[in-house]
N, C-alpha and C. Protein backbone atom coordinates (compact mmCIF):
# COMPACT_ATOMS: atom_id res chain seq x y z
N UNK A 1 -1.75 -1.45 13.24
CA UNK A 1 -2.94 -1.88 12.55
C UNK A 1 -3.70 -2.80 13.48
N UNK A 2 -4.98 -2.56 13.63
CA UNK A 2 -5.82 -3.38 14.50
C UNK A 2 -6.70 -4.29 13.68
N UNK A 3 -7.60 -4.97 14.36
CA UNK A 3 -8.50 -5.90 13.70
C UNK A 3 -9.93 -5.52 14.00
N UNK A 4 -10.87 -6.19 13.36
CA UNK A 4 -12.29 -5.96 13.61
C UNK A 4 -12.86 -7.16 14.36
N UNK A 5 -14.04 -7.00 14.90
CA UNK A 5 -14.70 -8.10 15.60
C UNK A 5 -14.14 -8.32 16.99
N UNK A 6 -14.15 -9.59 17.46
CA UNK A 6 -13.72 -9.87 18.83
C UNK A 6 -12.25 -9.56 19.06
N UNK A 7 -11.45 -9.50 18.02
CA UNK A 7 -10.03 -9.18 18.15
C UNK A 7 -9.76 -7.69 17.94
N UNK A 8 -10.78 -6.85 18.06
CA UNK A 8 -10.68 -5.43 17.70
C UNK A 8 -9.59 -4.67 18.44
N UNK A 9 -9.17 -5.14 19.58
CA UNK A 9 -8.16 -4.41 20.34
C UNK A 9 -6.81 -5.12 20.34
N UNK A 10 -6.63 -6.04 19.44
CA UNK A 10 -5.37 -6.76 19.34
C UNK A 10 -4.55 -6.23 18.18
N UNK A 11 -3.27 -6.16 18.39
CA UNK A 11 -2.36 -5.74 17.33
C UNK A 11 -2.26 -6.86 16.30
N UNK A 12 -2.47 -6.52 15.01
CA UNK A 12 -2.43 -7.52 13.95
C UNK A 12 -1.22 -7.34 13.04
N UNK A 13 -0.50 -6.24 13.19
CA UNK A 13 0.66 -6.00 12.34
C UNK A 13 1.10 -4.56 12.44
N UNK A 14 1.92 -4.14 11.48
CA UNK A 14 2.37 -2.76 11.45
C UNK A 14 2.59 -2.31 10.02
N UNK A 15 2.54 -1.00 9.81
CA UNK A 15 2.68 -0.43 8.47
C UNK A 15 3.18 1.01 8.58
N UNK A 16 4.49 1.20 8.75
CA UNK A 16 5.01 2.57 8.81
C UNK A 16 4.94 3.25 7.44
N UNK A 17 4.54 4.50 7.45
CA UNK A 17 4.45 5.31 6.24
C UNK A 17 5.52 6.38 6.32
N UNK A 18 6.23 6.60 5.21
CA UNK A 18 7.26 7.64 5.21
C UNK A 18 7.05 8.55 4.00
N UNK A 19 7.82 9.62 3.96
CA UNK A 19 7.77 10.55 2.84
C UNK A 19 8.95 10.31 1.90
N UNK A 20 9.64 9.21 2.05
CA UNK A 20 10.80 8.88 1.21
C UNK A 20 10.33 8.15 -0.04
N UNK A 21 10.07 8.86 -1.10
CA UNK A 21 9.66 8.24 -2.35
C UNK A 21 10.87 8.09 -3.27
N UNK A 22 10.80 7.15 -4.19
CA UNK A 22 11.92 6.86 -5.08
C UNK A 22 11.76 7.44 -6.48
N UNK A 23 10.53 7.68 -6.88
CA UNK A 23 10.27 8.13 -8.25
C UNK A 23 9.87 9.59 -8.29
N UNK A 24 10.36 10.34 -9.28
CA UNK A 24 10.00 11.77 -9.37
C UNK A 24 8.51 12.01 -9.45
N UNK A 25 7.78 11.09 -10.11
CA UNK A 25 6.33 11.28 -10.27
C UNK A 25 5.60 11.32 -8.93
N UNK A 26 6.14 10.64 -7.92
CA UNK A 26 5.46 10.61 -6.63
C UNK A 26 6.19 11.44 -5.57
N UNK A 27 7.12 12.28 -5.99
CA UNK A 27 7.84 13.12 -5.04
C UNK A 27 6.86 13.93 -4.20
N UNK A 28 7.14 14.00 -2.92
CA UNK A 28 6.25 14.71 -2.01
C UNK A 28 5.08 13.86 -1.56
N UNK A 29 5.07 12.61 -1.95
CA UNK A 29 3.98 11.72 -1.60
C UNK A 29 4.33 10.82 -0.42
N UNK A 30 3.68 9.69 -0.38
CA UNK A 30 3.82 8.74 0.72
C UNK A 30 4.42 7.43 0.23
N UNK A 31 5.21 6.83 1.09
CA UNK A 31 5.83 5.54 0.79
C UNK A 31 5.42 4.56 1.88
N UNK A 32 4.93 3.41 1.48
CA UNK A 32 4.63 2.37 2.44
C UNK A 32 5.95 1.65 2.72
N UNK A 33 6.63 2.12 3.77
CA UNK A 33 8.00 1.68 4.06
C UNK A 33 8.08 0.18 4.33
N UNK A 34 7.12 -0.34 5.06
CA UNK A 34 7.03 -1.77 5.36
C UNK A 34 5.56 -2.09 5.58
N UNK A 35 5.24 -3.37 5.49
CA UNK A 35 3.87 -3.79 5.74
C UNK A 35 3.92 -5.23 6.24
N UNK A 36 3.43 -5.45 7.45
CA UNK A 36 3.51 -6.78 8.05
C UNK A 36 2.20 -7.10 8.75
N UNK A 37 1.67 -8.28 8.46
CA UNK A 37 0.47 -8.79 9.13
C UNK A 37 0.86 -10.10 9.81
N UNK A 38 0.53 -10.21 11.11
CA UNK A 38 0.81 -11.45 11.83
C UNK A 38 0.13 -12.64 11.14
N UNK A 39 0.80 -13.75 11.15
CA UNK A 39 0.32 -14.96 10.46
C UNK A 39 -1.13 -15.30 10.83
N UNK A 40 -1.50 -15.15 12.08
CA UNK A 40 -2.86 -15.50 12.53
C UNK A 40 -3.93 -14.66 11.84
N UNK A 41 -3.57 -13.50 11.30
CA UNK A 41 -4.55 -12.60 10.68
C UNK A 41 -4.47 -12.58 9.16
N UNK A 42 -3.55 -13.33 8.60
CA UNK A 42 -3.40 -13.35 7.14
C UNK A 42 -4.55 -14.10 6.49
N UNK A 43 -4.82 -13.73 5.24
CA UNK A 43 -5.89 -14.35 4.42
C UNK A 43 -7.28 -14.15 5.03
N UNK A 44 -7.41 -13.10 5.84
CA UNK A 44 -8.71 -12.76 6.44
C UNK A 44 -9.15 -11.35 6.04
N UNK A 45 -8.40 -10.71 5.14
CA UNK A 45 -8.75 -9.38 4.68
C UNK A 45 -8.23 -8.26 5.55
N UNK A 46 -7.52 -8.60 6.63
CA UNK A 46 -7.01 -7.59 7.56
C UNK A 46 -6.02 -6.67 6.86
N UNK A 47 -5.10 -7.24 6.10
CA UNK A 47 -4.08 -6.44 5.42
C UNK A 47 -4.69 -5.50 4.40
N UNK A 48 -5.60 -6.00 3.58
CA UNK A 48 -6.24 -5.16 2.56
C UNK A 48 -7.03 -4.03 3.20
N UNK A 49 -7.75 -4.34 4.27
CA UNK A 49 -8.51 -3.30 4.98
C UNK A 49 -7.58 -2.25 5.57
N UNK A 50 -6.51 -2.69 6.19
CA UNK A 50 -5.55 -1.75 6.77
C UNK A 50 -4.92 -0.88 5.69
N UNK A 51 -4.58 -1.47 4.55
CA UNK A 51 -3.98 -0.69 3.46
C UNK A 51 -4.94 0.38 2.97
N UNK A 52 -6.19 0.03 2.75
CA UNK A 52 -7.18 1.02 2.30
C UNK A 52 -7.34 2.14 3.33
N UNK A 53 -7.33 1.79 4.61
CA UNK A 53 -7.44 2.81 5.65
C UNK A 53 -6.23 3.74 5.64
N UNK A 54 -5.04 3.20 5.42
CA UNK A 54 -3.84 4.04 5.32
C UNK A 54 -3.93 4.98 4.12
N UNK A 55 -4.34 4.45 2.98
CA UNK A 55 -4.43 5.28 1.78
C UNK A 55 -5.45 6.41 1.98
N UNK A 56 -6.54 6.11 2.69
CA UNK A 56 -7.54 7.15 2.98
C UNK A 56 -7.02 8.16 3.99
N UNK A 57 -6.28 7.68 4.97
CA UNK A 57 -5.80 8.55 6.04
C UNK A 57 -4.74 9.54 5.56
N UNK A 58 -3.96 9.13 4.56
CA UNK A 58 -2.91 9.98 4.01
C UNK A 58 -3.16 10.20 2.52
N UNK A 59 -4.11 11.08 2.18
CA UNK A 59 -4.43 11.29 0.77
C UNK A 59 -3.25 11.89 0.01
N UNK A 60 -3.13 11.50 -1.24
CA UNK A 60 -2.07 12.03 -2.09
C UNK A 60 -1.40 10.93 -2.89
N UNK A 61 -0.20 11.24 -3.36
CA UNK A 61 0.55 10.29 -4.17
C UNK A 61 1.16 9.21 -3.27
N UNK A 62 1.20 7.99 -3.79
CA UNK A 62 1.71 6.84 -3.04
C UNK A 62 2.67 6.01 -3.88
N UNK A 63 3.63 5.40 -3.21
CA UNK A 63 4.47 4.35 -3.76
C UNK A 63 4.37 3.14 -2.84
N UNK A 64 4.14 1.98 -3.43
CA UNK A 64 4.15 0.72 -2.69
C UNK A 64 5.15 -0.17 -3.41
N UNK A 65 6.14 -0.66 -2.67
CA UNK A 65 7.23 -1.43 -3.27
C UNK A 65 7.24 -2.87 -2.75
N UNK A 66 7.63 -3.80 -3.62
CA UNK A 66 7.85 -5.18 -3.22
C UNK A 66 9.20 -5.62 -3.76
N UNK A 67 9.84 -6.53 -3.04
CA UNK A 67 11.07 -7.11 -3.52
C UNK A 67 10.77 -7.97 -4.74
N UNK A 68 11.66 -7.97 -5.72
CA UNK A 68 11.45 -8.69 -6.98
C UNK A 68 11.15 -10.17 -6.76
N UNK A 69 11.74 -10.77 -5.73
CA UNK A 69 11.57 -12.21 -5.52
C UNK A 69 10.32 -12.56 -4.72
N UNK A 70 9.53 -11.58 -4.29
CA UNK A 70 8.35 -11.84 -3.47
C UNK A 70 7.08 -11.83 -4.32
N UNK A 71 6.93 -12.87 -5.15
CA UNK A 71 5.79 -12.95 -6.07
C UNK A 71 4.43 -12.88 -5.36
N UNK A 72 4.22 -13.54 -4.21
CA UNK A 72 2.91 -13.42 -3.55
C UNK A 72 2.59 -11.98 -3.13
N UNK A 73 3.57 -11.25 -2.63
CA UNK A 73 3.34 -9.86 -2.23
C UNK A 73 3.03 -8.99 -3.45
N UNK A 74 3.75 -9.21 -4.53
CA UNK A 74 3.51 -8.44 -5.76
C UNK A 74 2.08 -8.64 -6.23
N UNK A 75 1.64 -9.89 -6.30
CA UNK A 75 0.28 -10.18 -6.75
C UNK A 75 -0.76 -9.58 -5.80
N UNK A 76 -0.52 -9.69 -4.51
CA UNK A 76 -1.46 -9.16 -3.52
C UNK A 76 -1.58 -7.65 -3.63
N UNK A 77 -0.46 -6.96 -3.70
CA UNK A 77 -0.51 -5.49 -3.78
C UNK A 77 -1.14 -5.02 -5.08
N UNK A 78 -0.90 -5.72 -6.17
CA UNK A 78 -1.55 -5.35 -7.43
C UNK A 78 -3.06 -5.44 -7.29
N UNK A 79 -3.56 -6.51 -6.65
CA UNK A 79 -5.01 -6.66 -6.44
C UNK A 79 -5.57 -5.56 -5.55
N UNK A 80 -4.91 -5.32 -4.42
CA UNK A 80 -5.40 -4.32 -3.46
C UNK A 80 -5.42 -2.93 -4.10
N UNK A 81 -4.34 -2.56 -4.74
CA UNK A 81 -4.24 -1.22 -5.34
C UNK A 81 -5.19 -1.08 -6.52
N UNK A 82 -5.32 -2.12 -7.32
CA UNK A 82 -6.25 -2.06 -8.45
C UNK A 82 -7.68 -1.87 -7.96
N UNK A 83 -8.06 -2.62 -6.93
CA UNK A 83 -9.41 -2.46 -6.37
C UNK A 83 -9.61 -1.10 -5.74
N UNK A 84 -8.61 -0.61 -5.06
CA UNK A 84 -8.72 0.68 -4.39
C UNK A 84 -8.84 1.84 -5.38
N UNK A 85 -8.04 1.77 -6.46
CA UNK A 85 -7.99 2.89 -7.41
C UNK A 85 -8.93 2.71 -8.60
N UNK A 86 -9.59 1.57 -8.70
CA UNK A 86 -10.41 1.32 -9.88
C UNK A 86 -9.56 1.19 -11.13
N UNK A 87 -8.33 0.72 -10.96
CA UNK A 87 -7.42 0.53 -12.10
C UNK A 87 -6.56 1.71 -12.46
N UNK A 88 -6.67 2.79 -11.71
CA UNK A 88 -5.91 4.01 -12.02
C UNK A 88 -4.59 4.03 -11.25
N UNK A 89 -3.64 3.21 -11.69
CA UNK A 89 -2.32 3.13 -11.08
C UNK A 89 -1.31 2.69 -12.13
N UNK A 90 -0.06 2.89 -11.84
CA UNK A 90 1.02 2.49 -12.75
C UNK A 90 2.05 1.71 -11.96
N UNK A 91 2.76 0.85 -12.68
CA UNK A 91 3.84 0.10 -12.04
C UNK A 91 5.14 0.38 -12.78
N UNK A 92 6.18 0.61 -12.01
CA UNK A 92 7.53 0.80 -12.52
C UNK A 92 8.39 -0.30 -11.90
N UNK A 93 9.36 -0.77 -12.65
CA UNK A 93 10.28 -1.76 -12.11
C UNK A 93 11.65 -1.12 -11.99
N UNK A 94 12.17 -1.12 -10.78
CA UNK A 94 13.50 -0.57 -10.53
C UNK A 94 14.49 -1.71 -10.33
N UNK A 95 15.69 -1.49 -10.78
CA UNK A 95 16.78 -2.44 -10.54
C UNK A 95 18.07 -1.63 -10.48
N UNK A 96 18.21 -0.93 -9.37
CA UNK A 96 19.39 -0.10 -9.18
C UNK A 96 19.74 -0.05 -7.69
N UNK A 97 20.56 0.89 -7.31
CA UNK A 97 20.99 0.97 -5.91
C UNK A 97 19.87 1.43 -4.97
N UNK A 98 18.77 1.93 -5.51
CA UNK A 98 17.65 2.38 -4.66
C UNK A 98 16.73 1.23 -4.30
N UNK A 99 16.42 0.37 -5.29
CA UNK A 99 15.44 -0.69 -5.09
C UNK A 99 15.54 -1.70 -6.21
N UNK A 100 15.17 -2.95 -5.92
CA UNK A 100 15.13 -4.00 -6.94
C UNK A 100 13.77 -4.67 -6.87
N UNK A 101 12.88 -4.23 -7.74
CA UNK A 101 11.55 -4.81 -7.78
C UNK A 101 10.52 -3.80 -8.27
N UNK A 102 9.25 -4.22 -8.29
CA UNK A 102 8.20 -3.34 -8.77
C UNK A 102 7.83 -2.27 -7.74
N UNK A 103 7.38 -1.14 -8.27
CA UNK A 103 6.89 -0.02 -7.46
C UNK A 103 5.56 0.40 -8.06
N UNK A 104 4.48 0.24 -7.29
CA UNK A 104 3.17 0.70 -7.75
C UNK A 104 3.01 2.16 -7.32
N UNK A 105 2.52 2.97 -8.25
CA UNK A 105 2.36 4.40 -8.02
C UNK A 105 0.90 4.76 -8.30
N UNK A 106 0.29 5.50 -7.39
CA UNK A 106 -1.09 5.94 -7.57
C UNK A 106 -1.35 7.14 -6.69
N UNK A 107 -2.51 7.74 -6.87
CA UNK A 107 -2.93 8.87 -6.06
C UNK A 107 -4.22 8.49 -5.36
N UNK A 108 -4.27 8.66 -4.04
CA UNK A 108 -5.45 8.25 -3.29
C UNK A 108 -6.53 9.32 -3.26
N UNK A 109 -6.33 10.39 -4.01
CA UNK A 109 -7.37 11.43 -4.13
C UNK A 109 -8.07 11.28 -5.46
N UNK A 110 -9.35 11.59 -5.47
CA UNK A 110 -10.08 11.67 -6.74
C UNK A 110 -9.88 13.07 -7.28
N UNK A 111 -10.45 13.35 -8.42
CA UNK A 111 -10.33 14.67 -9.04
C UNK A 111 -10.81 15.79 -8.15
N UNK A 112 -11.74 15.52 -7.23
CA UNK A 112 -12.25 16.56 -6.35
C UNK A 112 -11.43 16.69 -5.07
N UNK A 113 -10.32 15.94 -4.99
CA UNK A 113 -9.44 16.03 -3.83
C UNK A 113 -9.80 15.07 -2.71
N UNK A 114 -10.94 14.38 -2.84
CA UNK A 114 -11.33 13.43 -1.79
C UNK A 114 -10.75 12.06 -2.09
N UNK A 115 -10.44 11.28 -1.06
CA UNK A 115 -9.95 9.93 -1.32
C UNK A 115 -11.05 9.07 -1.93
N UNK A 116 -10.66 8.06 -2.71
CA UNK A 116 -11.67 7.18 -3.29
C UNK A 116 -12.46 6.46 -2.21
N UNK A 117 -13.72 6.18 -2.48
CA UNK A 117 -14.49 5.38 -1.55
C UNK A 117 -14.16 3.92 -1.79
N UNK A 118 -14.17 3.15 -0.73
CA UNK A 118 -13.83 1.73 -0.89
C UNK A 118 -14.96 0.85 -0.44
């Protein structure tokens, strides 16, 4: 993930995407395996912009997971996904051998197959 402006060619973090989904509803979709933004770029919108670009780049069903104890990440992802989808998302809470925490599920395509505009 890169940045905009004078830091446009600097690495600001990473966000690997995988096809390993946990819920049947999103089977065959995308999983945001990890998401990390360097401290210097946090609270500047870099993470939200990068997330929207990922969702656009890989249209389809998505799962975004946070650990149950990471309240700031949970709140942040709810805001980003809600804004991106216009409120068209669901949250499931898992507490088993697969995962312990919330999982947001949504589709980055609109009814016409195009990703939502942001």
